[in-house]
Amino acid sequence: MDETKTETNSENKAMLTDVVKIEYIDPERAEFAEKHGFISLKYKRPGDGANDANDVNGAENAGEYDRVFLHRCFPNEMSEEYVSVLDRENNEIGIIRSIDAFPEETQTILRNELKRKYHIYTIRSIRSVNEKFGYSYWKVKDAEGDREFTVRDAYRSITRINADRITVTDVDGNRFEIPSLSALDRKSYKKIELYL
């Protein structure tokens, strides 16, 4: 009975190791490129136990992805570290530990894609926030001009980054940032004070 229990525990540990196994994308094995406005990836996975110079499994472990997607694991704390690379089916290929580890040309490609995906509008002032049926309708002035957007459940859509900085996510997934609550004019602050 003890042997069976030990075998079961070993099997569970092995399964857990497979589930939490993280593959880091090594800059020497990855080639990112920009094609038709999208990012592609040629990636040679490390062979099982083979060293880099004599990787006998290299050919069967190579992968080409005509389009990949980048996702920040820690978007507010580490915007250029621990970036997940996903394929078209949303399966994780691996994680970039740091964009700085890649050649300069690749850094530019990766940063431009993250900037496009995580574009954040900076709110300078708030003209109005009106509630109706669980939605709030915002009229703001941002760095690019006047803007209107809709937020579902403002209490859940507002994220406090620190004591003075918040982000707001609208129904379409667009992100808006107030970099400093204390720098807002008094009228603007009064309009969102209830949600903070």
N, C-alpha and C. Protein backbone atom coordinates (compact mmCIF):
# COMPACT_ATOMS: atom_id res chain seq x y z
N MET A 1 0.83 -1.20 0.00
CA MET A 1 0.00 0.00 0.00
C MET A 1 0.86 1.25 0.00
N ASP A 2 1.94 1.24 0.80
CA ASP A 2 2.85 2.39 0.84
C ASP A 2 3.53 2.60 -0.51
N GLU A 3 3.87 1.49 -1.22
CA GLU A 3 4.51 1.59 -2.53
C GLU A 3 3.58 2.27 -3.53
N THR A 4 2.31 1.90 -3.50
CA THR A 4 1.32 2.48 -4.40
C THR A 4 1.17 3.98 -4.14
N LYS A 5 1.14 4.34 -2.86
CA LYS A 5 1.01 5.75 -2.48
C LYS A 5 2.23 6.55 -2.96
N THR A 6 3.43 5.96 -2.81
CA THR A 6 4.66 6.61 -3.24
C THR A 6 4.67 6.81 -4.76
N GLU A 7 4.22 5.77 -5.50
CA GLU A 7 4.15 5.87 -6.97
C GLU A 7 3.18 6.96 -7.39
N THR A 8 2.02 7.03 -6.73
CA THR A 8 1.02 8.05 -7.04
C THR A 8 1.58 9.45 -6.79
N ASN A 9 2.25 9.64 -5.66
CA ASN A 9 2.86 10.94 -5.35
C ASN A 9 3.90 11.32 -6.39
N SER A 10 4.71 10.36 -6.83
CA SER A 10 5.73 10.62 -7.85
C SER A 10 5.08 11.02 -9.17
N GLU A 11 4.00 10.32 -9.53
CA GLU A 11 3.29 10.65 -10.77
C GLU A 11 2.69 12.06 -10.68
N ASN A 12 2.10 12.40 -9.54
CA ASN A 12 1.52 13.73 -9.35
C ASN A 12 2.58 14.82 -9.45
N LYS A 13 3.75 14.57 -8.84
CA LYS A 13 4.84 15.55 -8.91
C LYS A 13 5.31 15.73 -10.35
N ALA A 14 5.40 14.63 -11.09
CA ALA A 14 5.84 14.69 -12.49
C ALA A 14 4.84 15.49 -13.32
N MET A 15 3.53 15.26 -13.09
CA MET A 15 2.49 16.00 -13.82
C MET A 15 2.54 17.48 -13.47
N LEU A 16 2.75 17.79 -12.20
CA LEU A 16 2.81 19.19 -11.77
C LEU A 16 4.01 19.89 -12.39
N THR A 17 5.14 19.18 -12.48
CA THR A 17 6.34 19.75 -13.09
C THR A 17 6.07 20.09 -14.55
N ASP A 18 5.32 19.22 -15.25
CA ASP A 18 4.97 19.49 -16.65
C ASP A 18 4.06 20.70 -16.76
N VAL A 19 3.15 20.86 -15.83
CA VAL A 19 2.20 21.97 -15.87
C VAL A 19 2.90 23.30 -15.63
N VAL A 20 3.81 23.36 -14.67
CA VAL A 20 4.42 24.65 -14.31
C VAL A 20 5.76 24.88 -15.00
N LYS A 21 6.15 24.00 -15.93
CA LYS A 21 7.41 24.16 -16.63
C LYS A 21 7.36 25.43 -17.49
N ILE A 22 8.35 26.27 -17.30
CA ILE A 22 8.41 27.52 -18.06
C ILE A 22 9.57 27.43 -19.03
N GLU A 23 9.29 27.73 -20.28
CA GLU A 23 10.35 27.77 -21.28
C GLU A 23 10.68 29.22 -21.56
N TYR A 24 11.93 29.58 -21.33
CA TYR A 24 12.38 30.94 -21.61
C TYR A 24 12.94 30.98 -23.03
N ILE A 25 12.59 32.02 -23.76
CA ILE A 25 13.05 32.17 -25.13
C ILE A 25 14.44 32.79 -25.11
N ASP A 26 15.39 32.00 -25.53
CA ASP A 26 16.79 32.38 -25.56
C ASP A 26 17.07 33.22 -26.81
N PRO A 27 17.66 34.41 -26.67
CA PRO A 27 17.91 35.27 -27.85
C PRO A 27 18.73 34.59 -28.94
N GLU A 28 19.62 33.67 -28.57
CA GLU A 28 20.45 32.99 -29.57
C GLU A 28 19.65 31.99 -30.40
N ARG A 29 18.48 31.61 -29.92
CA ARG A 29 17.68 30.60 -30.61
C ARG A 29 16.42 31.20 -31.26
N ALA A 30 16.20 32.49 -31.07
CA ALA A 30 14.96 33.10 -31.56
C ALA A 30 15.26 34.20 -32.58
N GLU A 31 14.44 34.22 -33.63
CA GLU A 31 14.57 35.26 -34.64
C GLU A 31 13.18 35.87 -34.89
N PHE A 32 12.96 37.05 -34.32
CA PHE A 32 11.70 37.77 -34.53
C PHE A 32 11.83 38.64 -35.77
N ALA A 33 10.74 38.77 -36.51
CA ALA A 33 10.72 39.64 -37.69
C ALA A 33 9.35 40.28 -37.80
N GLU A 34 9.31 41.40 -38.50
CA GLU A 34 8.03 42.07 -38.73
C GLU A 34 7.63 41.82 -40.18
N LYS A 35 6.44 41.23 -40.38
CA LYS A 35 5.95 40.93 -41.72
C LYS A 35 4.50 41.36 -41.83
N HIS A 36 4.22 42.22 -42.80
CA HIS A 36 2.85 42.66 -43.08
C HIS A 36 2.16 43.23 -41.84
N GLY A 37 2.91 43.92 -41.00
CA GLY A 37 2.33 44.54 -39.80
C GLY A 37 2.20 43.60 -38.62
N PHE A 38 2.65 42.35 -38.77
CA PHE A 38 2.59 41.38 -37.68
C PHE A 38 4.00 40.90 -37.34
N ILE A 39 4.12 40.28 -36.17
CA ILE A 39 5.41 39.73 -35.76
C ILE A 39 5.42 38.23 -36.01
N SER A 40 6.51 37.78 -36.65
CA SER A 40 6.70 36.33 -36.86
C SER A 40 7.90 35.89 -36.03
N LEU A 41 8.00 34.58 -35.86
CA LEU A 41 9.09 34.03 -35.05
C LEU A 41 9.60 32.73 -35.63
N LYS A 42 10.92 32.63 -35.76
CA LYS A 42 11.59 31.36 -36.03
C LYS A 42 12.29 31.02 -34.73
N TYR A 43 11.96 29.86 -34.21
CA TYR A 43 12.49 29.51 -32.89
C TYR A 43 13.00 28.09 -32.86
N LYS A 44 14.24 27.93 -32.44
CA LYS A 44 14.86 26.61 -32.31
C LYS A 44 14.86 26.26 -30.84
N ARG A 45 14.02 25.30 -30.47
CA ARG A 45 13.93 24.89 -29.07
C ARG A 45 15.19 24.12 -28.68
N PRO A 46 15.59 24.23 -27.42
CA PRO A 46 16.77 23.47 -26.98
C PRO A 46 16.50 21.97 -27.05
N GLY A 47 17.52 21.19 -27.46
CA GLY A 47 17.39 19.74 -27.52
C GLY A 47 17.40 19.15 -26.13
N ASP A 48 16.91 17.97 -25.98
CA ASP A 48 16.87 17.30 -24.68
C ASP A 48 18.26 16.91 -24.25
N GLY A 49 18.89 17.74 -23.42
CA GLY A 49 20.18 17.41 -22.86
C GLY A 49 21.35 17.67 -23.79
N ALA A 50 21.10 18.02 -25.05
CA ALA A 50 22.20 18.30 -25.96
C ALA A 50 22.70 19.71 -25.76
N ASN A 51 24.01 19.91 -25.91
CA ASN A 51 24.51 21.29 -25.75
C ASN A 51 24.31 22.05 -27.05
N ASP A 52 24.50 23.36 -26.99
CA ASP A 52 24.19 24.23 -28.13
C ASP A 52 24.98 23.86 -29.38
N ALA A 53 26.27 23.53 -29.20
CA ALA A 53 27.12 23.27 -30.36
C ALA A 53 26.75 21.98 -31.07
N ASN A 54 26.28 20.99 -30.33
CA ASN A 54 25.96 19.69 -30.91
C ASN A 54 24.50 19.31 -30.69
N ASP A 55 23.61 20.19 -31.02
CA ASP A 55 22.19 19.95 -30.77
C ASP A 55 21.63 19.03 -31.86
N VAL A 56 21.65 17.73 -31.60
CA VAL A 56 21.20 16.75 -32.59
C VAL A 56 19.69 16.82 -32.80
N ASN A 57 18.96 17.37 -31.85
CA ASN A 57 17.50 17.46 -31.98
C ASN A 57 17.06 18.78 -32.59
N GLY A 58 18.01 19.59 -33.00
CA GLY A 58 17.68 20.95 -33.45
C GLY A 58 16.63 21.01 -34.53
N ALA A 59 16.74 20.17 -35.56
CA ALA A 59 15.81 20.25 -36.68
C ALA A 59 14.38 19.94 -36.25
N GLU A 60 14.20 18.90 -35.43
CA GLU A 60 12.85 18.53 -35.04
C GLU A 60 12.28 19.47 -33.99
N ASN A 61 13.13 20.24 -33.33
CA ASN A 61 12.67 21.17 -32.31
C ASN A 61 12.48 22.59 -32.85
N ALA A 62 12.79 22.79 -34.13
CA ALA A 62 12.65 24.11 -34.72
C ALA A 62 11.18 24.39 -34.97
N GLY A 63 10.79 25.66 -34.85
CA GLY A 63 9.41 26.04 -35.11
C GLY A 63 9.34 27.38 -35.81
N GLU A 64 8.43 27.49 -36.76
CA GLU A 64 8.20 28.77 -37.44
C GLU A 64 6.77 29.17 -37.19
N TYR A 65 6.61 30.41 -36.76
CA TYR A 65 5.29 30.96 -36.44
C TYR A 65 5.10 32.21 -37.28
N ASP A 66 4.13 32.17 -38.20
CA ASP A 66 3.94 33.31 -39.09
C ASP A 66 3.37 34.53 -38.35
N ARG A 67 2.76 34.27 -37.19
CA ARG A 67 2.26 35.39 -36.37
C ARG A 67 2.30 35.00 -34.91
N VAL A 68 2.89 35.87 -34.09
CA VAL A 68 2.90 35.65 -32.65
C VAL A 68 2.36 36.90 -31.95
N PHE A 69 1.94 36.70 -30.71
CA PHE A 69 1.35 37.78 -29.92
C PHE A 69 2.15 37.92 -28.63
N LEU A 70 2.32 39.14 -28.18
CA LEU A 70 3.07 39.40 -26.95
C LEU A 70 2.11 39.78 -25.84
N HIS A 71 2.40 39.28 -24.65
CA HIS A 71 1.56 39.57 -23.49
C HIS A 71 2.45 39.82 -22.29
N ARG A 72 2.31 40.99 -21.68
CA ARG A 72 3.11 41.30 -20.49
C ARG A 72 2.58 40.53 -19.29
N CYS A 73 3.44 39.76 -18.63
CA CYS A 73 3.03 39.03 -17.43
C CYS A 73 2.81 39.99 -16.26
N PHE A 74 3.63 41.04 -16.20
CA PHE A 74 3.51 42.05 -15.14
C PHE A 74 3.47 43.42 -15.80
N PRO A 75 2.31 43.80 -16.37
CA PRO A 75 2.24 45.01 -17.20
C PRO A 75 2.58 46.32 -16.49
N ASN A 76 2.32 46.41 -15.21
CA ASN A 76 2.57 47.67 -14.51
C ASN A 76 3.93 47.71 -13.85
N GLU A 77 4.42 46.57 -13.39
CA GLU A 77 5.67 46.55 -12.64
C GLU A 77 6.89 46.35 -13.53
N MET A 78 6.80 45.42 -14.50
CA MET A 78 7.95 45.08 -15.35
C MET A 78 7.49 45.02 -16.80
N SER A 79 7.41 46.17 -17.44
CA SER A 79 6.81 46.23 -18.77
C SER A 79 7.68 45.61 -19.86
N GLU A 80 8.98 45.45 -19.63
CA GLU A 80 9.85 44.88 -20.64
C GLU A 80 10.53 43.60 -20.17
N GLU A 81 10.04 43.04 -19.10
CA GLU A 81 10.56 41.78 -18.59
C GLU A 81 9.40 40.79 -18.45
N TYR A 82 9.71 39.52 -18.59
CA TYR A 82 8.71 38.45 -18.49
C TYR A 82 7.53 38.72 -19.43
N VAL A 83 7.86 38.71 -20.72
CA VAL A 83 6.87 38.92 -21.77
C VAL A 83 6.56 37.56 -22.39
N SER A 84 5.31 37.16 -22.31
CA SER A 84 4.88 35.88 -22.85
C SER A 84 4.68 35.99 -24.36
N VAL A 85 5.15 34.98 -25.09
CA VAL A 85 4.99 34.93 -26.55
C VAL A 85 4.00 33.81 -26.86
N LEU A 86 2.89 34.17 -27.53
CA LEU A 86 1.80 33.23 -27.79
C LEU A 86 1.64 33.01 -29.29
N ASP A 87 1.19 31.81 -29.66
CA ASP A 87 0.89 31.53 -31.07
C ASP A 87 -0.55 31.93 -31.39
N ARG A 88 -0.99 31.64 -32.60
CA ARG A 88 -2.34 32.03 -33.04
C ARG A 88 -3.45 31.39 -32.20
N GLU A 89 -3.18 30.21 -31.66
CA GLU A 89 -4.18 29.51 -30.85
C GLU A 89 -4.09 29.90 -29.37
N ASN A 90 -3.30 30.90 -29.08
CA ASN A 90 -3.14 31.41 -27.71
C ASN A 90 -2.34 30.44 -26.82
N ASN A 91 -1.56 29.55 -27.44
CA ASN A 91 -0.67 28.66 -26.69
C ASN A 91 0.65 29.38 -26.48
N GLU A 92 1.18 29.24 -25.29
CA GLU A 92 2.44 29.92 -24.99
C GLU A 92 3.61 29.16 -25.60
N ILE A 93 4.41 29.89 -26.38
CA ILE A 93 5.63 29.34 -26.97
C ILE A 93 6.75 29.41 -25.93
N GLY A 94 6.79 30.52 -25.23
CA GLY A 94 7.81 30.73 -24.21
C GLY A 94 7.73 32.13 -23.65
N ILE A 95 8.66 32.45 -22.77
CA ILE A 95 8.68 33.76 -22.12
C ILE A 95 10.01 34.44 -22.37
N ILE A 96 9.94 35.71 -22.73
CA ILE A 96 11.14 36.54 -22.87
C ILE A 96 11.45 37.08 -21.48
N ARG A 97 12.61 36.74 -20.95
CA ARG A 97 12.98 37.24 -19.61
C ARG A 97 13.17 38.75 -19.62
N SER A 98 13.87 39.24 -20.64
CA SER A 98 14.11 40.69 -20.75
C SER A 98 14.32 41.05 -22.21
N ILE A 99 13.63 42.08 -22.67
CA ILE A 99 13.79 42.54 -24.05
C ILE A 99 15.22 43.01 -24.28
N ASP A 100 15.85 43.56 -23.25
CA ASP A 100 17.22 44.08 -23.37
C ASP A 100 18.23 43.00 -23.77
N ALA A 101 17.91 41.74 -23.58
CA ALA A 101 18.83 40.65 -23.90
C ALA A 101 18.94 40.40 -25.41
N PHE A 102 18.00 40.96 -26.19
CA PHE A 102 17.96 40.72 -27.63
C PHE A 102 18.75 41.79 -28.38
N PRO A 103 19.13 41.50 -29.63
CA PRO A 103 19.81 42.51 -30.45
C PRO A 103 18.93 43.75 -30.62
N GLU A 104 19.57 44.87 -30.90
CA GLU A 104 18.87 46.17 -30.95
C GLU A 104 17.69 46.18 -31.94
N GLU A 105 17.89 45.57 -33.11
CA GLU A 105 16.82 45.54 -34.12
C GLU A 105 15.60 44.76 -33.60
N THR A 106 15.85 43.65 -32.91
CA THR A 106 14.76 42.85 -32.33
C THR A 106 14.09 43.61 -31.19
N GLN A 107 14.87 44.31 -30.38
CA GLN A 107 14.30 45.12 -29.30
C GLN A 107 13.30 46.12 -29.86
N THR A 108 13.65 46.75 -30.97
CA THR A 108 12.76 47.74 -31.60
C THR A 108 11.46 47.09 -32.04
N ILE A 109 11.55 45.92 -32.68
CA ILE A 109 10.36 45.19 -33.14
C ILE A 109 9.45 44.86 -31.94
N LEU A 110 10.05 44.31 -30.88
CA LEU A 110 9.27 43.91 -29.71
C LEU A 110 8.65 45.11 -29.00
N ARG A 111 9.43 46.18 -28.84
CA ARG A 111 8.91 47.38 -28.16
C ARG A 111 7.78 48.03 -28.95
N ASN A 112 7.93 48.08 -30.27
CA ASN A 112 6.86 48.67 -31.10
C ASN A 112 5.57 47.87 -30.99
N GLU A 113 5.69 46.54 -30.94
CA GLU A 113 4.49 45.70 -30.82
C GLU A 113 3.83 45.89 -29.46
N LEU A 114 4.64 45.95 -28.40
CA LEU A 114 4.08 46.16 -27.06
C LEU A 114 3.44 47.55 -26.96
N LYS A 115 4.08 48.53 -27.58
CA LYS A 115 3.52 49.90 -27.56
C LYS A 115 2.18 49.93 -28.28
N ARG A 116 2.09 49.20 -29.41
CA ARG A 116 0.83 49.15 -30.15
C ARG A 116 -0.25 48.45 -29.34
N LYS A 117 0.10 47.30 -28.75
CA LYS A 117 -0.88 46.52 -28.00
C LYS A 117 -1.31 47.21 -26.72
N TYR A 118 -0.36 47.80 -26.03
CA TYR A 118 -0.65 48.38 -24.72
C TYR A 118 -0.73 49.91 -24.77
N HIS A 119 -1.21 50.43 -25.90
CA HIS A 119 -1.34 51.88 -26.00
C HIS A 119 -2.25 52.39 -24.89
N ILE A 120 -1.79 53.39 -24.17
CA ILE A 120 -2.57 53.94 -23.07
C ILE A 120 -2.78 55.43 -23.32
N TYR A 121 -4.04 55.83 -23.26
CA TYR A 121 -4.37 57.25 -23.38
C TYR A 121 -4.15 57.91 -22.01
N THR A 122 -3.56 59.09 -22.02
CA THR A 122 -3.30 59.80 -20.76
C THR A 122 -4.37 60.86 -20.55
N ILE A 123 -5.16 60.69 -19.50
CA ILE A 123 -6.25 61.63 -19.20
C ILE A 123 -5.68 62.86 -18.50
N ARG A 124 -5.97 64.02 -19.08
CA ARG A 124 -5.51 65.30 -18.51
C ARG A 124 -6.59 65.93 -17.61
N SER A 125 -7.85 65.80 -18.05
CA SER A 125 -8.96 66.33 -17.25
C SER A 125 -10.23 65.53 -17.58
N ILE A 126 -11.20 65.59 -16.67
CA ILE A 126 -12.45 64.85 -16.82
C ILE A 126 -13.59 65.85 -16.89
N ARG A 127 -14.31 65.83 -18.02
CA ARG A 127 -15.43 66.76 -18.20
C ARG A 127 -16.68 66.24 -17.53
N SER A 128 -16.94 64.92 -17.66
CA SER A 128 -18.12 64.34 -17.01
C SER A 128 -18.01 62.83 -16.92
N VAL A 129 -18.71 62.28 -15.92
CA VAL A 129 -18.86 60.83 -15.77
C VAL A 129 -20.31 60.62 -15.36
N ASN A 130 -21.09 59.96 -16.24
CA ASN A 130 -22.51 59.74 -15.98
C ASN A 130 -22.82 58.25 -15.91
N GLU A 131 -23.53 57.85 -14.87
CA GLU A 131 -23.90 56.44 -14.64
C GLU A 131 -25.27 56.15 -15.23
N LYS A 132 -25.40 54.97 -15.87
CA LYS A 132 -26.68 54.53 -16.38
C LYS A 132 -26.67 53.01 -16.53
N PHE A 133 -27.54 52.32 -15.79
CA PHE A 133 -27.72 50.88 -15.91
C PHE A 133 -26.40 50.09 -15.78
N GLY A 134 -25.59 50.44 -14.82
CA GLY A 134 -24.34 49.71 -14.57
C GLY A 134 -23.17 50.12 -15.45
N TYR A 135 -23.38 51.07 -16.32
CA TYR A 135 -22.32 51.59 -17.18
C TYR A 135 -22.06 53.05 -16.81
N SER A 136 -20.83 53.48 -17.00
CA SER A 136 -20.54 54.90 -16.82
C SER A 136 -19.99 55.43 -18.13
N TYR A 137 -20.43 56.62 -18.47
CA TYR A 137 -20.07 57.25 -19.73
C TYR A 137 -19.16 58.43 -19.43
N TRP A 138 -17.93 58.34 -19.91
CA TRP A 138 -16.89 59.30 -19.58
C TRP A 138 -16.64 60.25 -20.75
N LYS A 139 -16.49 61.52 -20.42
CA LYS A 139 -16.02 62.52 -21.38
C LYS A 139 -14.77 63.12 -20.77
N VAL A 140 -13.65 62.95 -21.47
CA VAL A 140 -12.37 63.38 -20.93
C VAL A 140 -11.58 64.15 -21.98
N LYS A 141 -10.53 64.78 -21.49
CA LYS A 141 -9.55 65.39 -22.39
C LYS A 141 -8.26 64.63 -22.14
N ASP A 142 -7.71 64.07 -23.21
CA ASP A 142 -6.43 63.37 -23.06
C ASP A 142 -5.35 64.12 -23.84
N ALA A 143 -4.19 63.53 -23.95
CA ALA A 143 -3.06 64.18 -24.61
C ALA A 143 -3.35 64.45 -26.09
N GLU A 144 -4.32 63.71 -26.68
CA GLU A 144 -4.62 63.86 -28.10
C GLU A 144 -5.89 64.67 -28.38
N GLY A 145 -6.61 65.08 -27.33
CA GLY A 145 -7.82 65.87 -27.53
C GLY A 145 -8.98 65.34 -26.70
N ASP A 146 -10.22 65.74 -27.10
CA ASP A 146 -11.41 65.28 -26.40
C ASP A 146 -11.72 63.84 -26.79
N ARG A 147 -12.19 63.07 -25.79
CA ARG A 147 -12.47 61.66 -26.03
C ARG A 147 -13.65 61.23 -25.17
N GLU A 148 -14.47 60.32 -25.69
CA GLU A 148 -15.58 59.74 -24.94
C GLU A 148 -15.43 58.23 -24.95
N PHE A 149 -15.73 57.61 -23.81
CA PHE A 149 -15.67 56.15 -23.74
C PHE A 149 -16.63 55.65 -22.67
N THR A 150 -16.93 54.36 -22.73
CA THR A 150 -17.88 53.74 -21.83
C THR A 150 -17.18 52.69 -20.98
N VAL A 151 -17.53 52.68 -19.69
CA VAL A 151 -16.92 51.74 -18.75
C VAL A 151 -18.02 50.91 -18.12
N ARG A 152 -17.81 49.59 -18.09
CA ARG A 152 -18.74 48.70 -17.41
C ARG A 152 -18.23 48.49 -16.00
N ASP A 153 -19.06 48.73 -15.00
CA ASP A 153 -18.70 48.53 -13.60
C ASP A 153 -17.40 49.27 -13.26
N ALA A 154 -17.52 50.56 -13.09
CA ALA A 154 -16.35 51.42 -12.86
C ALA A 154 -15.49 50.96 -11.69
N TYR A 155 -16.11 50.41 -10.65
CA TYR A 155 -15.34 49.97 -9.48
C TYR A 155 -14.35 48.86 -9.85
N ARG A 156 -14.73 48.01 -10.79
CA ARG A 156 -13.83 46.92 -11.22
C ARG A 156 -12.94 47.33 -12.37
N SER A 157 -13.31 48.35 -13.10
CA SER A 157 -12.56 48.76 -14.28
C SER A 157 -11.47 49.77 -13.96
N ILE A 158 -11.47 50.28 -12.74
CA ILE A 158 -10.43 51.21 -12.32
C ILE A 158 -9.41 50.44 -11.49
N THR A 159 -8.16 50.51 -11.90
CA THR A 159 -7.08 49.82 -11.19
C THR A 159 -6.13 50.86 -10.60
N ARG A 160 -5.89 50.73 -9.31
CA ARG A 160 -4.95 51.64 -8.64
C ARG A 160 -3.55 51.05 -8.77
N ILE A 161 -2.68 51.76 -9.46
CA ILE A 161 -1.30 51.31 -9.66
C ILE A 161 -0.47 51.63 -8.42
N ASN A 162 -0.67 52.83 -7.90
CA ASN A 162 -0.07 53.21 -6.62
C ASN A 162 -1.00 54.26 -6.00
N ALA A 163 -0.57 54.91 -4.95
CA ALA A 163 -1.45 55.83 -4.23
C ALA A 163 -1.92 57.00 -5.10
N ASP A 164 -1.17 57.33 -6.15
CA ASP A 164 -1.47 58.52 -6.93
C ASP A 164 -1.79 58.24 -8.41
N ARG A 165 -1.67 57.00 -8.83
CA ARG A 165 -1.81 56.67 -10.26
C ARG A 165 -2.86 55.58 -10.45
N ILE A 166 -3.76 55.78 -11.44
CA ILE A 166 -4.78 54.77 -11.75
C ILE A 166 -4.87 54.54 -13.25
N THR A 167 -5.42 53.38 -13.60
CA THR A 167 -5.78 53.12 -14.99
C THR A 167 -7.26 52.77 -15.05
N VAL A 168 -7.88 53.09 -16.17
CA VAL A 168 -9.29 52.80 -16.40
C VAL A 168 -9.38 52.01 -17.70
N THR A 169 -10.13 50.90 -17.69
CA THR A 169 -10.29 50.08 -18.89
C THR A 169 -11.73 50.18 -19.36
N ASP A 170 -11.91 50.54 -20.64
CA ASP A 170 -13.27 50.70 -21.15
C ASP A 170 -13.82 49.37 -21.67
N VAL A 171 -15.06 49.38 -22.18
CA VAL A 171 -15.74 48.15 -22.61
C VAL A 171 -15.05 47.49 -23.80
N ASP A 172 -14.25 48.25 -24.55
CA ASP A 172 -13.55 47.71 -25.71
C ASP A 172 -12.12 47.27 -25.38
N GLY A 173 -11.74 47.38 -24.10
CA GLY A 173 -10.40 46.97 -23.69
C GLY A 173 -9.35 48.06 -23.81
N ASN A 174 -9.76 49.26 -24.23
CA ASN A 174 -8.80 50.38 -24.30
C ASN A 174 -8.45 50.82 -22.88
N ARG A 175 -7.19 51.23 -22.71
CA ARG A 175 -6.73 51.64 -21.38
C ARG A 175 -6.47 53.14 -21.34
N PHE A 176 -6.89 53.74 -20.25
CA PHE A 176 -6.70 55.16 -20.01
C PHE A 176 -5.98 55.30 -18.68
N GLU A 177 -5.07 56.24 -18.61
CA GLU A 177 -4.28 56.41 -17.39
C GLU A 177 -4.40 57.82 -16.85
N ILE A 178 -4.52 57.89 -15.54
CA ILE A 178 -4.36 59.18 -14.84
C ILE A 178 -3.05 59.03 -14.07
N PRO A 179 -1.95 59.60 -14.61
CA PRO A 179 -0.64 59.38 -13.99
C PRO A 179 -0.50 59.97 -12.60
N SER A 180 -1.31 61.02 -12.32
CA SER A 180 -1.24 61.63 -10.99
C SER A 180 -2.60 62.20 -10.61
N LEU A 181 -3.26 61.55 -9.67
CA LEU A 181 -4.55 62.05 -9.19
C LEU A 181 -4.39 63.42 -8.55
N SER A 182 -3.28 63.61 -7.86
CA SER A 182 -3.07 64.89 -7.16
C SER A 182 -2.84 66.03 -8.15
N ALA A 183 -2.45 65.72 -9.38
CA ALA A 183 -2.23 66.76 -10.38
C ALA A 183 -3.51 67.13 -11.12
N LEU A 184 -4.59 66.34 -10.95
CA LEU A 184 -5.87 66.68 -11.59
C LEU A 184 -6.43 67.96 -11.00
N ASP A 185 -7.16 68.71 -11.82
CA ASP A 185 -7.85 69.88 -11.27
C ASP A 185 -8.97 69.40 -10.35
N ARG A 186 -9.41 70.28 -9.46
CA ARG A 186 -10.37 69.91 -8.42
C ARG A 186 -11.68 69.37 -8.99
N LYS A 187 -12.20 69.99 -10.06
CA LYS A 187 -13.46 69.56 -10.66
C LYS A 187 -13.34 68.14 -11.24
N SER A 188 -12.22 67.85 -11.89
CA SER A 188 -11.99 66.51 -12.46
C SER A 188 -11.94 65.47 -11.35
N TYR A 189 -11.21 65.78 -10.29
CA TYR A 189 -11.07 64.82 -9.18
C TYR A 189 -12.42 64.52 -8.56
N LYS A 190 -13.26 65.52 -8.38
CA LYS A 190 -14.59 65.35 -7.76
C LYS A 190 -15.45 64.38 -8.57
N LYS A 191 -15.26 64.39 -9.90
CA LYS A 191 -16.09 63.54 -10.77
C LYS A 191 -15.77 62.05 -10.63
N ILE A 192 -14.56 61.72 -10.18
CA ILE A 192 -14.19 60.29 -10.03
C ILE A 192 -13.91 59.89 -8.58
N GLU A 193 -14.00 60.82 -7.68
CA GLU A 193 -13.68 60.56 -6.28
C GLU A 193 -14.48 59.38 -5.71
N LEU A 194 -15.71 59.26 -6.12
CA LEU A 194 -16.60 58.19 -5.65
C LEU A 194 -16.05 56.80 -5.97
N TYR A 195 -15.33 56.66 -7.09
CA TYR A 195 -14.84 55.35 -7.54
C TYR A 195 -13.49 54.97 -6.96
N LEU A 196 -12.86 55.87 -6.25
CA LEU A 196 -11.49 55.61 -5.78
C LEU A 196 -11.47 54.96 -4.40
